[in-house]
Amino acid sequence: MGANLNERKGAIILLILSSILWSLGGVFIKLVNLNPIAIAGFRSIISAIFIILVTRRFKFDFSKDQIICAIFYSLTVFLFVGATKLTTAASAIMLQYTAPIYVAFLSYALLKERILMIDWISSFFVIIGMLLFFIGKLSFNNMLGNLLAILSGISFAGLAIFMRKQKDKSPIDSIIIGNILTGIVALPFSFNKVPDKFSIFGLILLGTIQLGLPYILYSRAIKSINAFEAVLIPVIEPILNPVWTLIVLNERPTVWTIFGGTIVLLSVTINQIYKINTAKKLGDTYGGQTQST
């Protein structure tokens, strides 16, 4: 049975809030004076502690889905932090948000969730909008950073799919495990340099506001929307990136940025309005679990 319409609307709000909080990552990571692996490790340990304290739960059932999800999460964290350090924050975010493409191809095989034609159309315009959004900013000189960002898009897609596979359990447990795994792997690389007070403050913000809290919200939202939407709606995150750079670094957006951002926001908004209207016609439910084209 599809998700209740009110639950679906609530899930969309949670995804938007998650995107807003995630969008702070580019600026915060740039401001922390540590190597990428150390940032990923410290941030994840802080995030794990924060999530456990807030949710007051942690259950490791050793299921295949839980373990795979945790691994994808850890990969996403490492790859994105590394990409943000080695290339521009804009490049890292844009290339990570190729995730909807991978989810679109894998959703039916792994989740039996068919992708609607409106989803394919929305995905196409999101990609066009993001290309326009970062025109003149996407540098291919830092090839390693760009490659890591592309790989982070693949791992983010895997994360969304395997969180969705645990929709009847508690996906947040995989996030906690993933954070602990990230901290353990990063441990040998985390003490080469003592962080200054500003970096410590930045790491606390990264672990709580930018990573821990949004994943709590995201894990709740993903129970009521499908995997494709779980990576499509958060494309609001890269749209907000220049807003924070404007505030913090006084970098003004270009005309291409405004134009591309408008296309992305319209694509996501139209996609969701269409589905909500369809849900009303079908009697306050929406078949997000198993869709037909």
C-alpha atoms as a PDB file:
ATOM      1  CA  MET A   1       0.000   0.000   0.000  1.00  0.00           C
ATOM      2  CA  GLY A   2       1.234   3.492  -0.772  1.00  0.00           C
ATOM      3  CA  ALA A   3       2.239   6.023   1.828  1.00  0.00           C
ATOM      4  CA  ASN A   4      -0.477   8.214   3.341  1.00  0.00           C
ATOM      5  CA  LEU A   5      -0.565  11.627   1.645  1.00  0.00           C
ATOM      6  CA  ASN A   6      -0.006  13.520   4.901  1.00  0.00           C
ATOM      7  CA  GLU A   7       2.963  11.276   5.709  1.00  0.00           C
ATOM      8  CA  ARG A   8       4.298  11.940   2.227  1.00  0.00           C
ATOM      9  CA  LYS A   9       4.018  15.707   2.637  1.00  0.00           C
ATOM     10  CA  GLY A  10       5.775  15.444   5.992  1.00  0.00           C
ATOM     11  CA  ALA A  11       8.548  13.382   4.404  1.00  0.00           C
ATOM     12  CA  ILE A  12       9.078  16.026   1.718  1.00  0.00           C
ATOM     13  CA  ILE A  13       9.418  18.718   4.409  1.00  0.00           C
ATOM     14  CA  LEU A  14      11.975  16.572   6.266  1.00  0.00           C
ATOM     15  CA  LEU A  15      13.970  16.097   3.049  1.00  0.00           C
ATOM     16  CA  ILE A  16      13.991  19.841   2.409  1.00  0.00           C
ATOM     17  CA  LEU A  17      15.206  20.505   5.964  1.00  0.00           C
ATOM     18  CA  SER A  18      17.891  17.834   5.528  1.00  0.00           C
ATOM     19  CA  SER A  19      19.037  19.498   2.311  1.00  0.00           C
ATOM     20  CA  ILE A  20      19.308  22.893   3.976  1.00  0.00           C
ATOM     21  CA  LEU A  21      21.483  21.477   6.757  1.00  0.00           C
ATOM     22  CA  TRP A  22      23.614  19.385   4.389  1.00  0.00           C
ATOM     23  CA  SER A  23      24.263  22.470   2.265  1.00  0.00           C
ATOM     24  CA  LEU A  24      26.391  23.907   5.074  1.00  0.00           C
ATOM     25  CA  GLY A  25      28.993  21.186   4.506  1.00  0.00           C
ATOM     26  CA  GLY A  26      30.956  22.851   1.709  1.00  0.00           C
ATOM     27  CA  VAL A  27      31.656  26.017   3.681  1.00  0.00           C
ATOM     28  CA  PHE A  28      32.331  24.236   6.980  1.00  0.00           C
ATOM     29  CA  ILE A  29      34.686  21.656   5.466  1.00  0.00           C
ATOM     30  CA  LYS A  30      36.688  24.371   3.716  1.00  0.00           C
ATOM     31  CA  LEU A  31      37.109  26.206   7.020  1.00  0.00           C
ATOM     32  CA  VAL A  32      38.419  23.226   9.040  1.00  0.00           C
ATOM     33  CA  ASN A  33      42.212  23.110   8.894  1.00  0.00           C
ATOM     34  CA  LEU A  34      42.733  19.319   8.807  1.00  0.00           C
ATOM     35  CA  ASN A  35      43.274  16.672   6.144  1.00  0.00           C
ATOM     36  CA  PRO A  36      40.125  15.232   4.512  1.00  0.00           C
ATOM     37  CA  ILE A  37      40.315  11.833   6.218  1.00  0.00           C
ATOM     38  CA  ALA A  38      40.703  13.411   9.659  1.00  0.00           C
ATOM     39  CA  ILE A  39      37.726  15.696   9.002  1.00  0.00           C
ATOM     40  CA  ALA A  40      35.591  12.735   7.916  1.00  0.00           C
ATOM     41  CA  GLY A  41      36.627  10.716  10.961  1.00  0.00           C
ATOM     42  CA  PHE A  42      36.125  13.360  13.640  1.00  0.00           C
ATOM     43  CA  ARG A  43      32.874  14.537  12.065  1.00  0.00           C
ATOM     44  CA  SER A  44      31.488  10.999  11.971  1.00  0.00           C
ATOM     45  CA  ILE A  45      32.407  10.159  15.573  1.00  0.00           C
ATOM     46  CA  ILE A  46      30.716  13.351  16.759  1.00  0.00           C
ATOM     47  CA  SER A  47      27.730  12.536  14.555  1.00  0.00           C
ATOM     48  CA  ALA A  48      27.417   8.975  15.927  1.00  0.00           C
ATOM     49  CA  ILE A  49      27.420  10.223  19.523  1.00  0.00           C
ATOM     50  CA  PHE A  50      24.911  12.945  18.652  1.00  0.00           C
ATOM     51  CA  ILE A  51      22.497  10.572  16.887  1.00  0.00           C
ATOM     52  CA  ILE A  52      22.612   8.020  19.717  1.00  0.00           C
ATOM     53  CA  LEU A  53      21.921  10.734  22.307  1.00  0.00           C
ATOM     54  CA  VAL A  54      19.048  12.219  20.296  1.00  0.00           C
ATOM     55  CA  THR A  55      17.354   9.002  19.139  1.00  0.00           C
ATOM     56  CA  ARG A  56      18.244   6.971  22.257  1.00  0.00           C
ATOM     57  CA  ARG A  57      18.582   3.833  20.203  1.00  0.00           C
ATOM     58  CA  PHE A  58      21.230   1.718  18.549  1.00  0.00           C
ATOM     59  CA  LYS A  59      20.510  -1.796  17.342  1.00  0.00           C
ATOM     60  CA  PHE A  60      22.963  -3.800  15.253  1.00  0.00           C
ATOM     61  CA  ASP A  61      21.191  -6.869  13.853  1.00  0.00           C
ATOM     62  CA  PHE A  62      24.046  -7.903  11.508  1.00  0.00           C
ATOM     63  CA  SER A  63      21.658  -7.981   8.536  1.00  0.00           C
ATOM     64  CA  LYS A  64      23.121  -7.776   5.050  1.00  0.00           C
ATOM     65  CA  ASP A  65      21.175  -4.615   4.217  1.00  0.00           C
ATOM     66  CA  GLN A  66      22.292  -2.875   7.400  1.00  0.00           C
ATOM     67  CA  ILE A  67      25.969  -3.655   6.805  1.00  0.00           C
ATOM     68  CA  ILE A  68      25.916  -2.716   3.105  1.00  0.00           C
ATOM     69  CA  CYS A  69      24.072   0.516   3.929  1.00  0.00           C
ATOM     70  CA  ALA A  70      26.683   1.403   6.564  1.00  0.00           C
ATOM     71  CA  ILE A  71      29.500   0.780   4.087  1.00  0.00           C
ATOM     72  CA  PHE A  72      27.852   2.976   1.442  1.00  0.00           C
ATOM     73  CA  TYR A  73      27.391   5.700   4.057  1.00  0.00           C
ATOM     74  CA  SER A  74      31.059   5.574   5.082  1.00  0.00           C
ATOM     75  CA  LEU A  75      32.156   5.693   1.442  1.00  0.00           C
ATOM     76  CA  THR A  76      29.876   8.670   0.795  1.00  0.00           C
ATOM     77  CA  VAL A  77      31.357  10.593   3.727  1.00  0.00           C
ATOM     78  CA  PHE A  78      34.984   9.886   2.807  1.00  0.00           C
ATOM     79  CA  LEU A  79      34.529  10.533  -0.896  1.00  0.00           C
ATOM     80  CA  PHE A  80      32.591  13.771  -0.476  1.00  0.00           C
ATOM     81  CA  VAL A  81      34.970  15.257   2.103  1.00  0.00           C
ATOM     82  CA  GLY A  82      37.940  14.307  -0.071  1.00  0.00           C
ATOM     83  CA  ALA A  83      36.299  15.774  -3.160  1.00  0.00           C
ATOM     84  CA  THR A  84      35.448  19.021  -1.348  1.00  0.00           C
ATOM     85  CA  LYS A  85      39.062  19.413  -0.252  1.00  0.00           C
ATOM     86  CA  LEU A  86      40.598  18.529  -3.629  1.00  0.00           C
ATOM     87  CA  THR A  87      38.227  20.394  -5.939  1.00  0.00           C
ATOM     88  CA  THR A  88      35.728  23.233  -5.596  1.00  0.00           C
ATOM     89  CA  ALA A  89      32.776  22.790  -3.251  1.00  0.00           C
ATOM     90  CA  ALA A  90      30.493  23.501  -6.218  1.00  0.00           C
ATOM     91  CA  SER A  91      32.086  20.731  -8.293  1.00  0.00           C
ATOM     92  CA  ALA A  92      31.906  18.232  -5.433  1.00  0.00           C
ATOM     93  CA  ILE A  93      28.220  18.888  -4.788  1.00  0.00           C
ATOM     94  CA  MET A  94      27.169  18.948  -8.425  1.00  0.00           C
ATOM     95  CA  LEU A  95      28.922  15.717  -9.312  1.00  0.00           C
ATOM     96  CA  GLN A  96      27.593  13.966  -6.207  1.00  0.00           C
ATOM     97  CA  TYR A  97      24.068  14.827  -7.279  1.00  0.00           C
ATOM     98  CA  THR A  98      24.285  12.648 -10.339  1.00  0.00           C
ATOM     99  CA  ALA A  99      22.902  10.086  -7.840  1.00  0.00           C
ATOM    100  CA  PRO A 100      19.307  10.198  -9.193  1.00  0.00           C
ATOM    101  CA  ILE A 101      20.555   8.727 -12.467  1.00  0.00           C
ATOM    102  CA  TYR A 102      22.027   5.656 -10.756  1.00  0.00           C
ATOM    103  CA  VAL A 103      18.973   5.231  -8.535  1.00  0.00           C
ATOM    104  CA  ALA A 104      16.663   5.433 -11.541  1.00  0.00           C
ATOM    105  CA  PHE A 105      18.435   2.479 -13.135  1.00  0.00           C
ATOM    106  CA  LEU A 106      18.727   0.408  -9.949  1.00  0.00           C
ATOM    107  CA  SER A 107      15.426   1.069  -8.139  1.00  0.00           C
ATOM    108  CA  TYR A 108      13.360  -1.602  -9.856  1.00  0.00           C
ATOM    109  CA  ALA A 109      16.051  -4.275  -9.730  1.00  0.00           C
ATOM    110  CA  LEU A 110      16.746  -3.805  -6.015  1.00  0.00           C
ATOM    111  CA  LEU A 111      13.508  -2.357  -4.624  1.00  0.00           C
ATOM    112  CA  LYS A 112      10.829  -3.192  -7.197  1.00  0.00           C
ATOM    113  CA  GLU A 113      10.130   0.565  -7.361  1.00  0.00           C
ATOM    114  CA  ARG A 114       9.389   1.585 -10.927  1.00  0.00           C
ATOM    115  CA  ILE A 115      10.332   5.066 -12.030  1.00  0.00           C
ATOM    116  CA  LEU A 116       7.517   7.144 -13.529  1.00  0.00           C
ATOM    117  CA  MET A 117       7.935   9.075 -16.767  1.00  0.00           C
ATOM    118  CA  ILE A 118       7.638  12.305 -14.735  1.00  0.00           C
ATOM    119  CA  ASP A 119      10.704  11.167 -12.766  1.00  0.00           C
ATOM    120  CA  TRP A 120      12.781  10.636 -15.904  1.00  0.00           C
ATOM    121  CA  ILE A 121      11.723  14.034 -17.232  1.00  0.00           C
ATOM    122  CA  SER A 122      12.459  15.721 -13.895  1.00  0.00           C
ATOM    123  CA  SER A 123      15.862  14.042 -13.693  1.00  0.00           C
ATOM    124  CA  PHE A 124      16.741  15.286 -17.187  1.00  0.00           C
ATOM    125  CA  PHE A 125      15.865  18.900 -16.383  1.00  0.00           C
ATOM    126  CA  VAL A 126      17.617  18.724 -12.997  1.00  0.00           C
ATOM    127  CA  ILE A 127      20.843  17.718 -14.748  1.00  0.00           C
ATOM    128  CA  ILE A 128      20.439  20.484 -17.340  1.00  0.00           C
ATOM    129  CA  GLY A 129      19.737  23.012 -14.603  1.00  0.00           C
ATOM    130  CA  MET A 130      22.748  21.946 -12.544  1.00  0.00           C
ATOM    131  CA  LEU A 131      25.048  22.172 -15.558  1.00  0.00           C
ATOM    132  CA  LEU A 132      23.853  25.744 -16.122  1.00  0.00           C
ATOM    133  CA  PHE A 133      24.038  26.424 -12.396  1.00  0.00           C
ATOM    134  CA  PHE A 134      27.760  25.732 -12.248  1.00  0.00           C
ATOM    135  CA  ILE A 135      28.763  26.970 -15.690  1.00  0.00           C
ATOM    136  CA  GLY A 136      32.133  28.638 -15.461  1.00  0.00           C
ATOM    137  CA  LYS A 137      32.746  27.138 -12.018  1.00  0.00           C
ATOM    138  CA  LEU A 138      33.248  23.453 -12.735  1.00  0.00           C
ATOM    139  CA  SER A 139      36.988  22.954 -13.047  1.00  0.00           C
ATOM    140  CA  PHE A 140      38.390  19.783 -14.584  1.00  0.00           C
ATOM    141  CA  ASN A 141      41.934  20.663 -13.516  1.00  0.00           C
ATOM    142  CA  ASN A 142      41.462  18.918 -10.184  1.00  0.00           C
ATOM    143  CA  MET A 143      40.673  15.580 -11.772  1.00  0.00           C
ATOM    144  CA  LEU A 144      41.176  13.493  -8.618  1.00  0.00           C
ATOM    145  CA  GLY A 145      38.707  15.604  -6.672  1.00  0.00           C
ATOM    146  CA  ASN A 146      36.180  15.421  -9.497  1.00  0.00           C
ATOM    147  CA  LEU A 147      36.591  11.639  -9.722  1.00  0.00           C
ATOM    148  CA  LEU A 148      35.992  11.303  -5.977  1.00  0.00           C
ATOM    149  CA  ALA A 149      32.861  13.450  -6.339  1.00  0.00           C
ATOM    150  CA  ILE A 150      31.494  11.199  -9.095  1.00  0.00           C
ATOM    151  CA  LEU A 151      32.158   8.135  -6.945  1.00  0.00           C
ATOM    152  CA  SER A 152      30.415   9.852  -4.030  1.00  0.00           C
ATOM    153  CA  GLY A 153      27.332  10.165  -6.245  1.00  0.00           C
ATOM    154  CA  ILE A 154      27.370   6.415  -6.837  1.00  0.00           C
ATOM    155  CA  SER A 155      27.805   5.673  -3.131  1.00  0.00           C
ATOM    156  CA  PHE A 156      25.046   8.151  -2.204  1.00  0.00           C
ATOM    157  CA  ALA A 157      22.716   6.334  -4.585  1.00  0.00           C
ATOM    158  CA  GLY A 158      23.614   3.031  -2.909  1.00  0.00           C
ATOM    159  CA  LEU A 159      23.021   4.581   0.494  1.00  0.00           C
ATOM    160  CA  ALA A 160      19.525   5.775  -0.444  1.00  0.00           C
ATOM    161  CA  ILE A 161      18.585   2.395  -1.912  1.00  0.00           C
ATOM    162  CA  PHE A 162      19.724   0.378   1.106  1.00  0.00           C
ATOM    163  CA  MET A 163      18.177   2.818   3.578  1.00  0.00           C
ATOM    164  CA  ARG A 164      14.934   2.397   1.661  1.00  0.00           C
ATOM    165  CA  LYS A 165      15.290  -1.405   1.870  1.00  0.00           C
ATOM    166  CA  GLN A 166      15.173  -0.998   5.658  1.00  0.00           C
ATOM    167  CA  LYS A 167      12.036   1.155   5.622  1.00  0.00           C
ATOM    168  CA  ASP A 168      10.209  -1.286   7.899  1.00  0.00           C
ATOM    169  CA  LYS A 169      13.031  -1.221  10.444  1.00  0.00           C
ATOM    170  CA  SER A 170      15.205   1.719  11.504  1.00  0.00           C
ATOM    171  CA  PRO A 171      17.536   3.057   8.795  1.00  0.00           C
ATOM    172  CA  ILE A 172      19.216   5.362  11.323  1.00  0.00           C
ATOM    173  CA  ASP A 173      21.002   2.334  12.837  1.00  0.00           C
ATOM    174  CA  SER A 174      22.963   1.928   9.605  1.00  0.00           C
ATOM    175  CA  ILE A 175      23.944   5.598   9.767  1.00  0.00           C
ATOM    176  CA  ILE A 176      25.272   5.163  13.303  1.00  0.00           C
ATOM    177  CA  ILE A 177      27.253   2.087  12.273  1.00  0.00           C
ATOM    178  CA  GLY A 178      28.536   3.916   9.198  1.00  0.00           C
ATOM    179  CA  ASN A 179      29.712   6.809  11.338  1.00  0.00           C
ATOM    180  CA  ILE A 180      31.517   4.484  13.726  1.00  0.00           C
ATOM    181  CA  LEU A 181      33.113   2.657  10.788  1.00  0.00           C
ATOM    182  CA  THR A 182      34.253   5.956   9.300  1.00  0.00           C
ATOM    183  CA  GLY A 183      35.771   7.025  12.619  1.00  0.00           C
ATOM    184  CA  ILE A 184      37.669   3.736  12.996  1.00  0.00           C
ATOM    185  CA  VAL A 185      39.058   3.803   9.452  1.00  0.00           C
ATOM    186  CA  ALA A 186      40.096   7.451   9.824  1.00  0.00           C
ATOM    187  CA  LEU A 187      41.673   7.015  13.263  1.00  0.00           C
ATOM    188  CA  PRO A 188      45.292   6.395  12.081  1.00  0.00           C
ATOM    189  CA  PHE A 189      45.141   9.589   9.989  1.00  0.00           C
ATOM    190  CA  SER A 190      43.428  11.819  12.535  1.00  0.00           C
ATOM    191  CA  PHE A 191      46.235  12.834  14.871  1.00  0.00           C
ATOM    192  CA  ASN A 192      48.930  14.071  12.496  1.00  0.00           C
ATOM    193  CA  LYS A 193      47.917  17.610  13.323  1.00  0.00           C
ATOM    194  CA  VAL A 194      46.267  19.059  16.412  1.00  0.00           C
ATOM    195  CA  PRO A 195      43.143  20.995  15.386  1.00  0.00           C
ATOM    196  CA  ASP A 196      42.931  24.634  16.481  1.00  0.00           C
ATOM    197  CA  LYS A 197      39.942  25.982  18.411  1.00  0.00           C
ATOM    198  CA  PHE A 198      38.198  27.212  15.260  1.00  0.00           C
ATOM    199  CA  SER A 199      38.604  23.798  13.610  1.00  0.00           C
ATOM    200  CA  ILE A 200      37.215  22.049  16.693  1.00  0.00           C
ATOM    201  CA  PHE A 201      34.180  24.324  16.618  1.00  0.00           C
ATOM    202  CA  GLY A 202      33.755  23.618  12.903  1.00  0.00           C
ATOM    203  CA  LEU A 203      33.960  19.850  13.494  1.00  0.00           C
ATOM    204  CA  ILE A 204      31.279  20.041  16.187  1.00  0.00           C
ATOM    205  CA  LEU A 205      28.990  21.927  13.802  1.00  0.00           C
ATOM    206  CA  LEU A 206      29.735  19.420  11.038  1.00  0.00           C
ATOM    207  CA  GLY A 207      29.028  16.417  13.243  1.00  0.00           C
ATOM    208  CA  THR A 208      25.798  17.711  14.772  1.00  0.00           C
ATOM    209  CA  ILE A 209      24.007  20.313  12.652  1.00  0.00           C
ATOM    210  CA  GLN A 210      25.419  19.420   9.234  1.00  0.00           C
ATOM    211  CA  LEU A 211      25.547  15.602   9.448  1.00  0.00           C
ATOM    212  CA  GLY A 212      23.835  14.110  12.504  1.00  0.00           C
ATOM    213  CA  LEU A 213      20.558  16.038  12.550  1.00  0.00           C
ATOM    214  CA  PRO A 214      19.856  15.916   8.787  1.00  0.00           C
ATOM    215  CA  TYR A 215      20.417  12.144   8.690  1.00  0.00           C
ATOM    216  CA  ILE A 216      17.961  11.690  11.557  1.00  0.00           C
ATOM    217  CA  LEU A 217      15.416  13.609   9.487  1.00  0.00           C
ATOM    218  CA  TYR A 218      16.399  11.783   6.291  1.00  0.00           C
ATOM    219  CA  SER A 219      16.034   8.330   7.871  1.00  0.00           C
ATOM    220  CA  ARG A 220      12.487   9.191   8.922  1.00  0.00           C
ATOM    221  CA  ALA A 221      11.562  10.663   5.544  1.00  0.00           C
ATOM    222  CA  ILE A 222      12.775   7.707   3.522  1.00  0.00           C
ATOM    223  CA  LYS A 223      10.102   5.486   5.040  1.00  0.00           C
ATOM    224  CA  SER A 224       7.392   7.455   3.210  1.00  0.00           C
ATOM    225  CA  ILE A 225       8.978   8.231  -0.167  1.00  0.00           C
ATOM    226  CA  ASN A 226      10.754   6.082  -2.725  1.00  0.00           C
ATOM    227  CA  ALA A 227      14.513   5.862  -3.246  1.00  0.00           C
ATOM    228  CA  PHE A 228      14.492   8.009  -6.385  1.00  0.00           C
ATOM    229  CA  GLU A 229      12.779  10.884  -4.576  1.00  0.00           C
ATOM    230  CA  ALA A 230      15.173  10.451  -1.667  1.00  0.00           C
ATOM    231  CA  VAL A 231      17.994  11.592  -3.955  1.00  0.00           C
ATOM    232  CA  LEU A 232      15.989  13.887  -6.263  1.00  0.00           C
ATOM    233  CA  ILE A 233      14.420  16.238  -3.708  1.00  0.00           C
ATOM    234  CA  PRO A 234      17.737  16.929  -1.874  1.00  0.00           C
ATOM    235  CA  VAL A 235      19.158  18.526  -5.041  1.00  0.00           C
ATOM    236  CA  ILE A 236      18.045  21.676  -3.238  1.00  0.00           C
ATOM    237  CA  GLU A 237      21.353  21.305  -1.368  1.00  0.00           C
ATOM    238  CA  PRO A 238      23.654  22.412  -4.225  1.00  0.00           C
ATOM    239  CA  ILE A 239      21.273  25.254  -5.022  1.00  0.00           C
ATOM    240  CA  LEU A 240      21.868  26.642  -1.527  1.00  0.00           C
ATOM    241  CA  ASN A 241      25.635  26.374  -1.789  1.00  0.00           C
ATOM    242  CA  PRO A 242      26.125  29.812  -3.443  1.00  0.00           C
ATOM    243  CA  VAL A 243      23.798  31.349  -0.849  1.00  0.00           C
ATOM    244  CA  TRP A 244      26.174  30.364   1.937  1.00  0.00           C
ATOM    245  CA  THR A 245      29.226  31.403  -0.089  1.00  0.00           C
ATOM    246  CA  LEU A 246      27.546  34.761  -0.674  1.00  0.00           C
ATOM    247  CA  ILE A 247      26.969  35.207   3.050  1.00  0.00           C
ATOM    248  CA  VAL A 248      30.345  33.878   4.223  1.00  0.00           C
ATOM    249  CA  LEU A 249      32.665  34.720   1.313  1.00  0.00           C
ATOM    250  CA  ASN A 250      30.688  37.493  -0.424  1.00  0.00           C
ATOM    251  CA  GLU A 251      30.629  35.588  -3.718  1.00  0.00           C
ATOM    252  CA  ARG A 252      27.704  36.820  -5.799  1.00  0.00           C
ATOM    253  CA  PRO A 253      25.778  34.325  -7.976  1.00  0.00           C
ATOM    254  CA  THR A 254      25.945  34.687 -11.758  1.00  0.00           C
ATOM    255  CA  VAL A 255      23.001  34.902 -14.124  1.00  0.00           C
ATOM    256  CA  TRP A 256      23.663  31.255 -15.065  1.00  0.00           C
ATOM    257  CA  THR A 257      23.471  30.313 -11.386  1.00  0.00           C
ATOM    258  CA  ILE A 258      20.069  31.960 -10.998  1.00  0.00           C
ATOM    259  CA  PHE A 259      18.770  30.472 -14.264  1.00  0.00           C
ATOM    260  CA  GLY A 260      20.025  26.951 -13.520  1.00  0.00           C
ATOM    261  CA  GLY A 261      18.782  27.068  -9.945  1.00  0.00           C
ATOM    262  CA  THR A 262      15.338  28.110 -11.131  1.00  0.00           C
ATOM    263  CA  ILE A 263      15.172  25.130 -13.528  1.00  0.00           C
ATOM    264  CA  VAL A 264      16.169  22.700 -10.769  1.00  0.00           C
ATOM    265  CA  LEU A 265      13.667  24.063  -8.247  1.00  0.00           C
ATOM    266  CA  LEU A 266      10.859  24.086 -10.833  1.00  0.00           C
ATOM    267  CA  SER A 267      11.677  20.505 -11.874  1.00  0.00           C
ATOM    268  CA  VAL A 268      11.522  19.181  -8.320  1.00  0.00           C
ATOM    269  CA  THR A 269       8.453  21.267  -7.437  1.00  0.00           C
ATOM    270  CA  ILE A 270       6.473  20.207 -10.524  1.00  0.00           C
ATOM    271  CA  ASN A 271       7.452  16.583  -9.911  1.00  0.00           C
ATOM    272  CA  GLN A 272       6.041  16.672  -6.383  1.00  0.00           C
ATOM    273  CA  ILE A 273       2.908  18.696  -7.248  1.00  0.00           C
ATOM    274  CA  TYR A 274       2.087  16.169  -9.979  1.00  0.00           C
ATOM    275  CA  LYS A 275       2.480  13.253  -7.579  1.00  0.00           C
ATOM    276  CA  ILE A 276       0.498  14.867  -4.767  1.00  0.00           C
ATOM    277  CA  ASN A 277      -2.355  15.641  -7.192  1.00  0.00           C
ATOM    278  CA  THR A 278      -2.196  12.056  -8.438  1.00  0.00           C
ATOM    279  CA  ALA A 279      -2.327  10.850  -4.835  1.00  0.00           C
ATOM    280  CA  LYS A 280      -5.484  12.896  -4.168  1.00  0.00           C
ATOM    281  CA  LYS A 281      -7.184  11.420  -7.222  1.00  0.00           C
ATOM    282  CA  LEU A 282      -6.259   7.918  -6.055  1.00  0.00           C
ATOM    283  CA  GLY A 283      -7.782   8.469  -2.632  1.00  0.00           C
ATOM    284  CA  ASP A 284      -5.104   9.975  -0.368  1.00  0.00           C
ATOM    285  CA  THR A 285      -2.501   7.331  -1.093  1.00  0.00           C
ATOM    286  CA  TYR A 286       0.461   7.170  -3.354  1.00  0.00           C
ATOM    287  CA  GLY A 287       2.085   3.994  -4.545  1.00  0.00           C
ATOM    288  CA  GLY A 288       5.643   4.990  -3.772  1.00  0.00           C
ATOM    289  CA  GLN A 289       6.679   1.453  -2.920  1.00  0.00           C
ATOM    290  CA  THR A 290       5.735  -0.067  -6.263  1.00  0.00           C
ATOM    291  CA  GLN A 291       5.036   2.268  -9.138  1.00  0.00           C
ATOM    292  CA  SER A 292       4.140   1.558 -12.729  1.00  0.00           C
ATOM    293  CA  THR A 293       5.206   3.521 -15.732  1.00  0.00           C
END
